[in-house]
Amino acid sequence: MLSTVKLVLFAYAAFLTVGGFLGYQEKGSVMSLVGGLVCAIIAVAAGIMLPGKVKLGLGLGIAAAIIAAGRPLMTMSKGLKLWPGGALLGASVVVLILCVAAFATAGKEAG
C-alpha cells in the first residue's frame, strides 16, 4: 500500500504545482502559486520519507492534504466551482483518505 501512497503523493505534488502556476498565470494569484508550491514540497517530502520513516511521511501527506483543502473549504460559502476548487478538494480528500488508511495499517503492523 505504501508504494501506491507514494505514487499518489508524487502525482498530487505535480497537480498542486501545475494548479499553482495556472492560478498565478490566469488570475495573477501569488497565493495560488506559493500555496501550491509549498504543499507540493510537503507532498514530495512525504513521498520521499515513506520507505524509511513511514509515520512521519504519512503525517506530512495528511498535513499537505489538509492545508491544500483549506482554500476551497473556506470559499465554499460563495459556491464551489468544479475547477479549480472542486478538483483540488477532491484530490485532497483522496490523498487524505489514502494516507489515513495507510497510517492505520502502519500502526497495526508496528504494534
C-alpha atoms as a PDB file:
ATOM      1  CA  MET A   1       0.000   0.000   0.000  1.00  0.00           C
ATOM      2  CA  LEU A   2       2.886   2.373   0.724  1.00  0.00           C
ATOM      3  CA  SER A   3       4.092   2.256  -2.874  1.00  0.00           C
ATOM      4  CA  THR A   4       0.610   3.318  -4.009  1.00  0.00           C
ATOM      5  CA  VAL A   5       0.517   6.150  -1.481  1.00  0.00           C
ATOM      6  CA  LYS A   6       3.991   7.257  -2.573  1.00  0.00           C
ATOM      7  CA  LEU A   7       2.911   7.360  -6.218  1.00  0.00           C
ATOM      8  CA  VAL A   8      -0.270   9.262  -5.329  1.00  0.00           C
ATOM      9  CA  LEU A   9       1.704  11.790  -3.277  1.00  0.00           C
ATOM     10  CA  PHE A  10       4.041  12.488  -6.198  1.00  0.00           C
ATOM     11  CA  ALA A  11       1.098  12.843  -8.598  1.00  0.00           C
ATOM     12  CA  TYR A  12      -0.625  15.116  -6.064  1.00  0.00           C
ATOM     13  CA  ALA A  13       2.519  17.256  -5.850  1.00  0.00           C
ATOM     14  CA  ALA A  14       2.544  17.609  -9.644  1.00  0.00           C
ATOM     15  CA  PHE A  15      -1.153  18.556  -9.583  1.00  0.00           C
ATOM     16  CA  LEU A  16      -0.538  21.169  -6.884  1.00  0.00           C
ATOM     17  CA  THR A  17       2.421  22.635  -8.777  1.00  0.00           C
ATOM     18  CA  VAL A  18       0.524  22.904 -12.055  1.00  0.00           C
ATOM     19  CA  GLY A  19      -2.529  24.299 -10.283  1.00  0.00           C
ATOM     20  CA  GLY A  20      -0.445  26.920  -8.506  1.00  0.00           C
ATOM     21  CA  PHE A  21       1.151  28.058 -11.749  1.00  0.00           C
ATOM     22  CA  LEU A  22      -2.212  28.135 -13.545  1.00  0.00           C
ATOM     23  CA  GLY A  23      -3.743  30.195 -10.732  1.00  0.00           C
ATOM     24  CA  TYR A  24      -0.893  32.648 -10.988  1.00  0.00           C
ATOM     25  CA  GLN A  25      -0.993  32.782 -14.783  1.00  0.00           C
ATOM     26  CA  GLU A  26      -4.758  33.097 -15.165  1.00  0.00           C
ATOM     27  CA  LYS A  27      -5.664  35.255 -12.165  1.00  0.00           C
ATOM     28  CA  GLY A  28      -2.344  36.709 -11.054  1.00  0.00           C
ATOM     29  CA  SER A  29      -2.784  34.910  -7.735  1.00  0.00           C
ATOM     30  CA  VAL A  30       0.521  34.835  -5.880  1.00  0.00           C
ATOM     31  CA  MET A  31      -1.295  32.963  -3.090  1.00  0.00           C
ATOM     32  CA  SER A  32      -2.109  30.111  -5.507  1.00  0.00           C
ATOM     33  CA  LEU A  33       1.485  29.909  -6.645  1.00  0.00           C
ATOM     34  CA  VAL A  34       3.003  29.957  -3.165  1.00  0.00           C
ATOM     35  CA  GLY A  35       0.362  27.682  -1.648  1.00  0.00           C
ATOM     36  CA  GLY A  36       0.618  25.171  -4.472  1.00  0.00           C
ATOM     37  CA  LEU A  37       4.405  25.064  -4.310  1.00  0.00           C
ATOM     38  CA  VAL A  38       4.563  24.805  -0.514  1.00  0.00           C
ATOM     39  CA  CYS A  39       2.020  21.989  -0.404  1.00  0.00           C
ATOM     40  CA  ALA A  40       3.760  20.256  -3.323  1.00  0.00           C
ATOM     41  CA  ILE A  41       7.088  20.384  -1.480  1.00  0.00           C
ATOM     42  CA  ILE A  42       5.440  18.880   1.606  1.00  0.00           C
ATOM     43  CA  ALA A  43       3.857  16.121  -0.507  1.00  0.00           C
ATOM     44  CA  VAL A  44       7.184  15.305  -2.202  1.00  0.00           C
ATOM     45  CA  ALA A  45       8.947  15.229   1.172  1.00  0.00           C
ATOM     46  CA  ALA A  46       6.235  12.872   2.434  1.00  0.00           C
ATOM     47  CA  GLY A  47       6.733  10.529  -0.505  1.00  0.00           C
ATOM     48  CA  ILE A  48      10.499  10.536  -0.119  1.00  0.00           C
ATOM     49  CA  MET A  49      10.243   9.722   3.612  1.00  0.00           C
ATOM     50  CA  LEU A  50       7.809   6.837   3.207  1.00  0.00           C
ATOM     51  CA  PRO A  51      10.212   3.921   2.907  1.00  0.00           C
ATOM     52  CA  GLY A  52      12.254   4.801   5.992  1.00  0.00           C
ATOM     53  CA  LYS A  53      10.030   6.943   8.202  1.00  0.00           C
ATOM     54  CA  VAL A  54       6.535   5.724   7.433  1.00  0.00           C
ATOM     55  CA  LYS A  55       4.566   7.551  10.121  1.00  0.00           C
ATOM     56  CA  LEU A  56       6.368  10.858   9.536  1.00  0.00           C
ATOM     57  CA  GLY A  57       5.872  10.576   5.773  1.00  0.00           C
ATOM     58  CA  LEU A  58       2.190   9.762   6.115  1.00  0.00           C
ATOM     59  CA  GLY A  59       1.765  12.554   8.655  1.00  0.00           C
ATOM     60  CA  LEU A  60       3.259  15.021   6.193  1.00  0.00           C
ATOM     61  CA  GLY A  61       0.961  13.682   3.465  1.00  0.00           C
ATOM     62  CA  ILE A  62      -2.023  14.223   5.735  1.00  0.00           C
ATOM     63  CA  ALA A  63      -0.823  17.738   6.549  1.00  0.00           C
ATOM     64  CA  ALA A  64      -0.352  18.610   2.859  1.00  0.00           C
ATOM     65  CA  ALA A  65      -3.866  17.405   2.029  1.00  0.00           C
ATOM     66  CA  ILE A  66      -5.456  19.348   4.889  1.00  0.00           C
ATOM     67  CA  ILE A  67      -3.547  22.542   4.104  1.00  0.00           C
ATOM     68  CA  ALA A  68      -4.320  22.356   0.379  1.00  0.00           C
ATOM     69  CA  ALA A  69      -8.014  21.662   1.033  1.00  0.00           C
ATOM     70  CA  GLY A  70      -8.238  24.735   3.247  1.00  0.00           C
ATOM     71  CA  ARG A  71      -8.702  27.270   0.472  1.00  0.00           C
ATOM     72  CA  PRO A  72     -11.617  25.568  -1.324  1.00  0.00           C
ATOM     73  CA  LEU A  73     -13.254  24.801   2.020  1.00  0.00           C
ATOM     74  CA  MET A  74     -13.019  28.463   3.050  1.00  0.00           C
ATOM     75  CA  THR A  75     -14.646  29.646  -0.189  1.00  0.00           C
ATOM     76  CA  MET A  76     -17.438  27.051  -0.309  1.00  0.00           C
ATOM     77  CA  SER A  77     -19.975  29.551   1.037  1.00  0.00           C
ATOM     78  CA  LYS A  78     -19.517  31.533  -2.194  1.00  0.00           C
ATOM     79  CA  GLY A  79     -20.087  28.398  -4.261  1.00  0.00           C
ATOM     80  CA  LEU A  80     -17.536  25.766  -5.137  1.00  0.00           C
ATOM     81  CA  LYS A  81     -16.719  25.580  -8.829  1.00  0.00           C
ATOM     82  CA  LEU A  82     -15.668  22.288 -10.378  1.00  0.00           C
ATOM     83  CA  TRP A  83     -12.364  23.822 -11.476  1.00  0.00           C
ATOM     84  CA  PRO A  84     -10.150  24.561  -9.645  1.00  0.00           C
ATOM     85  CA  GLY A  85     -11.734  24.353  -6.195  1.00  0.00           C
ATOM     86  CA  GLY A  86     -13.677  21.139  -6.683  1.00  0.00           C
ATOM     87  CA  ALA A  87     -10.741  19.346  -8.294  1.00  0.00           C
ATOM     88  CA  LEU A  88      -8.365  20.465  -5.549  1.00  0.00           C
ATOM     89  CA  LEU A  89     -10.790  19.464  -2.813  1.00  0.00           C
ATOM     90  CA  GLY A  90     -11.416  16.075  -4.449  1.00  0.00           C
ATOM     91  CA  ALA A  91      -7.717  15.324  -4.884  1.00  0.00           C
ATOM     92  CA  SER A  92      -7.021  16.406  -1.309  1.00  0.00           C
ATOM     93  CA  VAL A  93      -9.755  14.123   0.038  1.00  0.00           C
ATOM     94  CA  VAL A  94      -8.346  11.151  -1.911  1.00  0.00           C
ATOM     95  CA  VAL A  95      -4.825  11.819  -0.585  1.00  0.00           C
ATOM     96  CA  LEU A  96      -6.153  12.292   2.938  1.00  0.00           C
ATOM     97  CA  ILE A  97      -8.100   9.010   2.872  1.00  0.00           C
ATOM     98  CA  LEU A  98      -5.158   7.044   1.461  1.00  0.00           C
ATOM     99  CA  CYS A  99      -2.695   8.479   3.977  1.00  0.00           C
ATOM    100  CA  VAL A 100      -5.013   7.906   6.946  1.00  0.00           C
ATOM    101  CA  ALA A 101      -5.708   4.322   5.829  1.00  0.00           C
ATOM    102  CA  ALA A 102      -2.003   3.631   5.368  1.00  0.00           C
ATOM    103  CA  PHE A 103      -1.256   5.252   8.742  1.00  0.00           C
ATOM    104  CA  ALA A 104      -3.804   2.992  10.442  1.00  0.00           C
ATOM    105  CA  THR A 105      -2.307  -0.050   8.727  1.00  0.00           C
ATOM    106  CA  ALA A 106       1.254   1.017   9.600  1.00  0.00           C
ATOM    107  CA  GLY A 107       0.251   1.388  13.243  1.00  0.00           C
ATOM    108  CA  LYS A 108      -1.122  -2.179  13.369  1.00  0.00           C
ATOM    109  CA  GLU A 109       1.960  -3.608  11.664  1.00  0.00           C
ATOM    110  CA  ALA A 110       4.339  -1.811  14.040  1.00  0.00           C
ATOM    111  CA  GLY A 111       2.411  -2.817  17.168  1.00  0.00           C
END
